Amino acid sequence: MAKKAKKKNSGGATIALNKKANHDFFIEERYEAGIALQGWEVKSLREGRVQIKESYITIKEGEAFLFGAHIVPLSTASTHIHPDPTRTRKLLLHRSELNKLIGLVERKGYTLVPTAMYWKKGLAKLEIGLAKGKKMHDKRTTEKDRDWKREKERLFKKG
């Protein structure tokens, strides 16, 4: 008897990346959070019409919120719904994770930055980076290191 082939789920499919976060911050830890979305927003995410480059995360009254994420409404959206592309969206985290993040952000001066948005088992997830800001000289050294690694790879490849 032949074994049945497993269905491929939509897990791991990237919706949006925030490449600017790695350039502007030292990301020390990463967390996964769910997002409270409306129906039209999910449809727009499936089309890949989201931008998280200018977004940020704040914690108010013991809950995490995503500000500034721009989800473009589809033209086929319902007529009785008035979509707000930049509305504040609640992030769904475990209480222990939230308590840890609150302590780090308030006491140690960390920042919460969205780094990626992706599908996991049919649900939209947001990857949050616990980050410290980079100074200008830090950005320059990062670029120098990246250029040197690229040049080193070229030299090894040639000879």
C-alpha atoms as a PDB file:
ATOM      1  CA  MET A   1       0.000   0.000   0.000  1.00  0.00           C
ATOM      2  CA  ALA A   2       1.205   3.443  -0.860  1.00  0.00           C
ATOM      3  CA  LYS A   3       1.371   6.109   1.800  1.00  0.00           C
ATOM      4  CA  LYS A   4      -0.794   9.159   1.379  1.00  0.00           C
ATOM      5  CA  ALA A   5       1.065  12.341   0.536  1.00  0.00           C
ATOM      6  CA  LYS A   6       0.856  15.008   3.201  1.00  0.00           C
ATOM      7  CA  LYS A   7      -0.869  18.238   2.303  1.00  0.00           C
ATOM      8  CA  LYS A   8       1.348  21.265   2.174  1.00  0.00           C
ATOM      9  CA  ASN A   9       0.034  23.905   4.517  1.00  0.00           C
ATOM     10  CA  SER A  10       0.483  27.610   4.038  1.00  0.00           C
ATOM     11  CA  GLY A  11       2.885  27.821   7.001  1.00  0.00           C
ATOM     12  CA  GLY A  12       6.057  29.780   6.603  1.00  0.00           C
ATOM     13  CA  ALA A  13       4.896  31.856   3.640  1.00  0.00           C
ATOM     14  CA  THR A  14       6.304  35.342   4.148  1.00  0.00           C
ATOM     15  CA  ILE A  15       3.887  38.234   3.668  1.00  0.00           C
ATOM     16  CA  ALA A  16       6.183  41.192   4.413  1.00  0.00           C
ATOM     17  CA  LEU A  17       9.720  41.807   5.666  1.00  0.00           C
ATOM     18  CA  ASN A  18      11.167  44.804   7.450  1.00  0.00           C
ATOM     19  CA  LYS A  19      14.754  44.903   6.181  1.00  0.00           C
ATOM     20  CA  LYS A  20      15.213  48.396   7.598  1.00  0.00           C
ATOM     21  CA  ALA A  21      14.930  46.983  11.134  1.00  0.00           C
ATOM     22  CA  ASN A  22      18.229  45.073  10.797  1.00  0.00           C
ATOM     23  CA  HIS A  23      19.895  48.212   9.474  1.00  0.00           C
ATOM     24  CA  ASP A  24      18.672  50.539  12.233  1.00  0.00           C
ATOM     25  CA  PHE A  25      18.690  48.216  15.262  1.00  0.00           C
ATOM     26  CA  PHE A  26      20.634  45.456  17.008  1.00  0.00           C
ATOM     27  CA  ILE A  27      17.958  42.765  17.301  1.00  0.00           C
ATOM     28  CA  GLU A  28      18.676  40.629  20.350  1.00  0.00           C
ATOM     29  CA  GLU A  29      15.582  38.418  20.711  1.00  0.00           C
ATOM     30  CA  ARG A  30      12.651  37.549  18.485  1.00  0.00           C
ATOM     31  CA  TYR A  31       9.082  36.773  19.515  1.00  0.00           C
ATOM     32  CA  GLU A  32       6.088  35.522  17.569  1.00  0.00           C
ATOM     33  CA  ALA A  33       2.755  37.269  18.034  1.00  0.00           C
ATOM     34  CA  GLY A  34      -0.672  36.835  16.539  1.00  0.00           C
ATOM     35  CA  ILE A  35      -2.504  39.835  15.131  1.00  0.00           C
ATOM     36  CA  ALA A  36      -6.154  40.751  15.694  1.00  0.00           C
ATOM     37  CA  LEU A  37      -7.365  41.475  12.149  1.00  0.00           C
ATOM     38  CA  GLN A  38     -10.627  42.239  10.414  1.00  0.00           C
ATOM     39  CA  GLY A  39     -11.870  40.230   7.443  1.00  0.00           C
ATOM     40  CA  TRP A  40     -10.874  42.722   4.750  1.00  0.00           C
ATOM     41  CA  GLU A  41      -7.366  42.919   6.241  1.00  0.00           C
ATOM     42  CA  VAL A  42      -6.871  39.155   5.939  1.00  0.00           C
ATOM     43  CA  LYS A  43      -7.904  39.295   2.284  1.00  0.00           C
ATOM     44  CA  SER A  44      -5.425  42.098   1.665  1.00  0.00           C
ATOM     45  CA  LEU A  45      -2.669  40.137   3.430  1.00  0.00           C
ATOM     46  CA  ARG A  46      -3.353  37.173   1.151  1.00  0.00           C
ATOM     47  CA  GLU A  47      -2.761  39.516  -1.786  1.00  0.00           C
ATOM     48  CA  GLY A  48       0.463  40.730  -0.125  1.00  0.00           C
ATOM     49  CA  ARG A  49      -0.707  44.332   0.138  1.00  0.00           C
ATOM     50  CA  VAL A  50       0.936  45.256   3.438  1.00  0.00           C
ATOM     51  CA  GLN A  51       3.853  47.477   4.427  1.00  0.00           C
ATOM     52  CA  ILE A  52       5.505  47.268   7.883  1.00  0.00           C
ATOM     53  CA  LYS A  53       8.662  49.306   7.240  1.00  0.00           C
ATOM     54  CA  GLU A  54       7.466  52.405   9.121  1.00  0.00           C
ATOM     55  CA  SER A  55       5.543  50.555  11.827  1.00  0.00           C
ATOM     56  CA  TYR A  56       6.384  50.165  15.503  1.00  0.00           C
ATOM     57  CA  ILE A  57       5.061  48.424  18.600  1.00  0.00           C
ATOM     58  CA  THR A  58       4.032  50.002  21.871  1.00  0.00           C
ATOM     59  CA  ILE A  59       2.748  48.538  25.106  1.00  0.00           C
ATOM     60  CA  LYS A  60      -0.227  50.249  26.743  1.00  0.00           C
ATOM     61  CA  GLU A  61      -2.062  49.038  29.837  1.00  0.00           C
ATOM     62  CA  GLY A  62      -0.413  45.630  29.704  1.00  0.00           C
ATOM     63  CA  GLU A  63      -1.212  44.954  26.023  1.00  0.00           C
ATOM     64  CA  ALA A  64       0.901  45.233  22.868  1.00  0.00           C
ATOM     65  CA  PHE A  65      -0.284  47.217  19.843  1.00  0.00           C
ATOM     66  CA  LEU A  66       1.034  47.579  16.302  1.00  0.00           C
ATOM     67  CA  PHE A  67       1.062  51.166  15.029  1.00  0.00           C
ATOM     68  CA  GLY A  68       1.716  52.418  11.529  1.00  0.00           C
ATOM     69  CA  ALA A  69       1.365  49.157   9.597  1.00  0.00           C
ATOM     70  CA  HIS A  70      -0.270  50.011   6.291  1.00  0.00           C
ATOM     71  CA  ILE A  71      -2.665  47.402   4.903  1.00  0.00           C
ATOM     72  CA  VAL A  72      -4.080  48.536   1.563  1.00  0.00           C
ATOM     73  CA  PRO A  73      -7.796  47.707   1.246  1.00  0.00           C
ATOM     74  CA  LEU A  74      -8.821  45.799  -1.853  1.00  0.00           C
ATOM     75  CA  SER A  75     -11.057  47.518  -4.369  1.00  0.00           C
ATOM     76  CA  THR A  76     -13.500  44.634  -4.035  1.00  0.00           C
ATOM     77  CA  ALA A  77     -14.084  45.352  -0.335  1.00  0.00           C
ATOM     78  CA  SER A  78     -17.628  45.472   0.922  1.00  0.00           C
ATOM     79  CA  THR A  79     -19.563  48.740   0.545  1.00  0.00           C
ATOM     80  CA  HIS A  80     -20.830  48.834   4.146  1.00  0.00           C
ATOM     81  CA  ILE A  81     -17.319  48.662   5.645  1.00  0.00           C
ATOM     82  CA  HIS A  82     -15.105  51.745   5.715  1.00  0.00           C
ATOM     83  CA  PRO A  83     -11.552  50.343   5.947  1.00  0.00           C
ATOM     84  CA  ASP A  84      -8.859  52.282   7.813  1.00  0.00           C
ATOM     85  CA  PRO A  85      -5.486  51.211   6.337  1.00  0.00           C
ATOM     86  CA  THR A  86      -3.363  52.400   9.276  1.00  0.00           C
ATOM     87  CA  ARG A  87      -5.542  51.493  12.231  1.00  0.00           C
ATOM     88  CA  THR A  88      -3.976  50.279  15.465  1.00  0.00           C
ATOM     89  CA  ARG A  89      -3.948  46.487  15.670  1.00  0.00           C
ATOM     90  CA  LYS A  90      -3.738  44.470  18.869  1.00  0.00           C
ATOM     91  CA  LEU A  91      -0.983  41.872  19.145  1.00  0.00           C
ATOM     92  CA  LEU A  92      -1.714  38.554  20.804  1.00  0.00           C
ATOM     93  CA  LEU A  93       1.033  37.394  23.162  1.00  0.00           C
ATOM     94  CA  HIS A  94       1.158  35.179  26.234  1.00  0.00           C
ATOM     95  CA  ARG A  95       0.993  37.047  29.541  1.00  0.00           C
ATOM     96  CA  SER A  96       4.474  35.863  30.574  1.00  0.00           C
ATOM     97  CA  GLU A  97       5.962  37.160  27.296  1.00  0.00           C
ATOM     98  CA  LEU A  98       4.159  40.472  27.715  1.00  0.00           C
ATOM     99  CA  ASN A  99       5.414  40.874  31.284  1.00  0.00           C
ATOM    100  CA  LYS A 100       8.984  40.180  30.178  1.00  0.00           C
ATOM    101  CA  LEU A 101       8.727  42.658  27.302  1.00  0.00           C
ATOM    102  CA  ILE A 102       7.192  45.340  29.525  1.00  0.00           C
ATOM    103  CA  GLY A 103      10.100  45.025  31.953  1.00  0.00           C
ATOM    104  CA  LEU A 104      12.752  45.190  29.229  1.00  0.00           C
ATOM    105  CA  VAL A 105      11.180  48.109  27.381  1.00  0.00           C
ATOM    106  CA  GLU A 106      10.448  50.250  30.440  1.00  0.00           C
ATOM    107  CA  ARG A 107      13.576  49.588  32.500  1.00  0.00           C
ATOM    108  CA  LYS A 108      16.382  48.731  30.110  1.00  0.00           C
ATOM    109  CA  GLY A 109      15.544  50.987  27.171  1.00  0.00           C
ATOM    110  CA  TYR A 110      14.811  48.372  24.534  1.00  0.00           C
ATOM    111  CA  THR A 111      12.516  48.955  21.561  1.00  0.00           C
ATOM    112  CA  LEU A 112      10.008  46.583  19.991  1.00  0.00           C
ATOM    113  CA  VAL A 113      10.253  46.433  16.199  1.00  0.00           C
ATOM    114  CA  PRO A 114       8.220  44.334  13.747  1.00  0.00           C
ATOM    115  CA  THR A 115      10.668  42.358  11.604  1.00  0.00           C
ATOM    116  CA  ALA A 116       8.447  40.065   9.522  1.00  0.00           C
ATOM    117  CA  MET A 117       4.851  39.098   8.859  1.00  0.00           C
ATOM    118  CA  TYR A 118       4.059  35.575   7.706  1.00  0.00           C
ATOM    119  CA  TRP A 119       1.460  32.796   7.592  1.00  0.00           C
ATOM    120  CA  LYS A 120       1.619  29.930  10.062  1.00  0.00           C
ATOM    121  CA  LYS A 121      -1.035  27.207   9.890  1.00  0.00           C
ATOM    122  CA  GLY A 122      -3.380  29.619   8.110  1.00  0.00           C
ATOM    123  CA  LEU A 123      -2.982  32.371  10.714  1.00  0.00           C
ATOM    124  CA  ALA A 124      -1.179  35.676  10.230  1.00  0.00           C
ATOM    125  CA  LYS A 125       1.778  36.037  12.595  1.00  0.00           C
ATOM    126  CA  LEU A 126       4.089  38.958  13.301  1.00  0.00           C
ATOM    127  CA  GLU A 127       7.720  38.486  14.294  1.00  0.00           C
ATOM    128  CA  ILE A 128       8.730  41.046  16.905  1.00  0.00           C
ATOM    129  CA  GLY A 129      12.344  41.954  17.506  1.00  0.00           C
ATOM    130  CA  LEU A 130      13.565  43.143  20.902  1.00  0.00           C
ATOM    131  CA  ALA A 131      16.072  45.732  19.762  1.00  0.00           C
ATOM    132  CA  LYS A 132      18.523  48.442  20.742  1.00  0.00           C
ATOM    133  CA  GLY A 133      19.096  51.357  18.392  1.00  0.00           C
ATOM    134  CA  LYS A 134      22.281  51.630  16.342  1.00  0.00           C
ATOM    135  CA  LYS A 135      24.399  54.739  16.208  1.00  0.00           C
ATOM    136  CA  MET A 136      25.730  56.004  12.870  1.00  0.00           C
ATOM    137  CA  HIS A 137      29.198  54.509  13.434  1.00  0.00           C
ATOM    138  CA  ASP A 138      27.610  51.134  14.209  1.00  0.00           C
ATOM    139  CA  LYS A 139      25.806  51.211  10.870  1.00  0.00           C
ATOM    140  CA  ARG A 140      29.070  51.989   9.074  1.00  0.00           C
ATOM    141  CA  THR A 141      30.940  49.110  10.712  1.00  0.00           C
ATOM    142  CA  THR A 142      28.084  46.744   9.852  1.00  0.00           C
ATOM    143  CA  GLU A 143      28.314  47.811   6.204  1.00  0.00           C
ATOM    144  CA  LYS A 144      32.110  47.376   6.208  1.00  0.00           C
ATOM    145  CA  ASP A 145      31.807  43.880   7.683  1.00  0.00           C
ATOM    146  CA  ARG A 146      29.172  42.921   5.115  1.00  0.00           C
ATOM    147  CA  ASP A 147      31.319  44.249   2.238  1.00  0.00           C
ATOM    148  CA  TRP A 148      34.380  42.410   3.541  1.00  0.00           C
ATOM    149  CA  LYS A 149      32.463  39.116   3.800  1.00  0.00           C
ATOM    150  CA  ARG A 150      31.209  39.560   0.247  1.00  0.00           C
ATOM    151  CA  GLU A 151      34.733  40.312  -1.029  1.00  0.00           C
ATOM    152  CA  LYS A 152      36.163  37.346   0.905  1.00  0.00           C
ATOM    153  CA  GLU A 153      33.584  35.019  -0.686  1.00  0.00           C
ATOM    154  CA  ARG A 154      34.561  36.306  -4.128  1.00  0.00           C
ATOM    155  CA  LEU A 155      38.255  35.698  -3.460  1.00  0.00           C
ATOM    156  CA  PHE A 156      37.618  32.132  -2.217  1.00  0.00           C
ATOM    157  CA  LYS A 157      35.399  31.416  -5.178  1.00  0.00           C
ATOM    158  CA  LYS A 158      38.068  32.523  -7.680  1.00  0.00           C
ATOM    159  CA  GLY A 159      41.022  30.674  -6.264  1.00  0.00           C
END
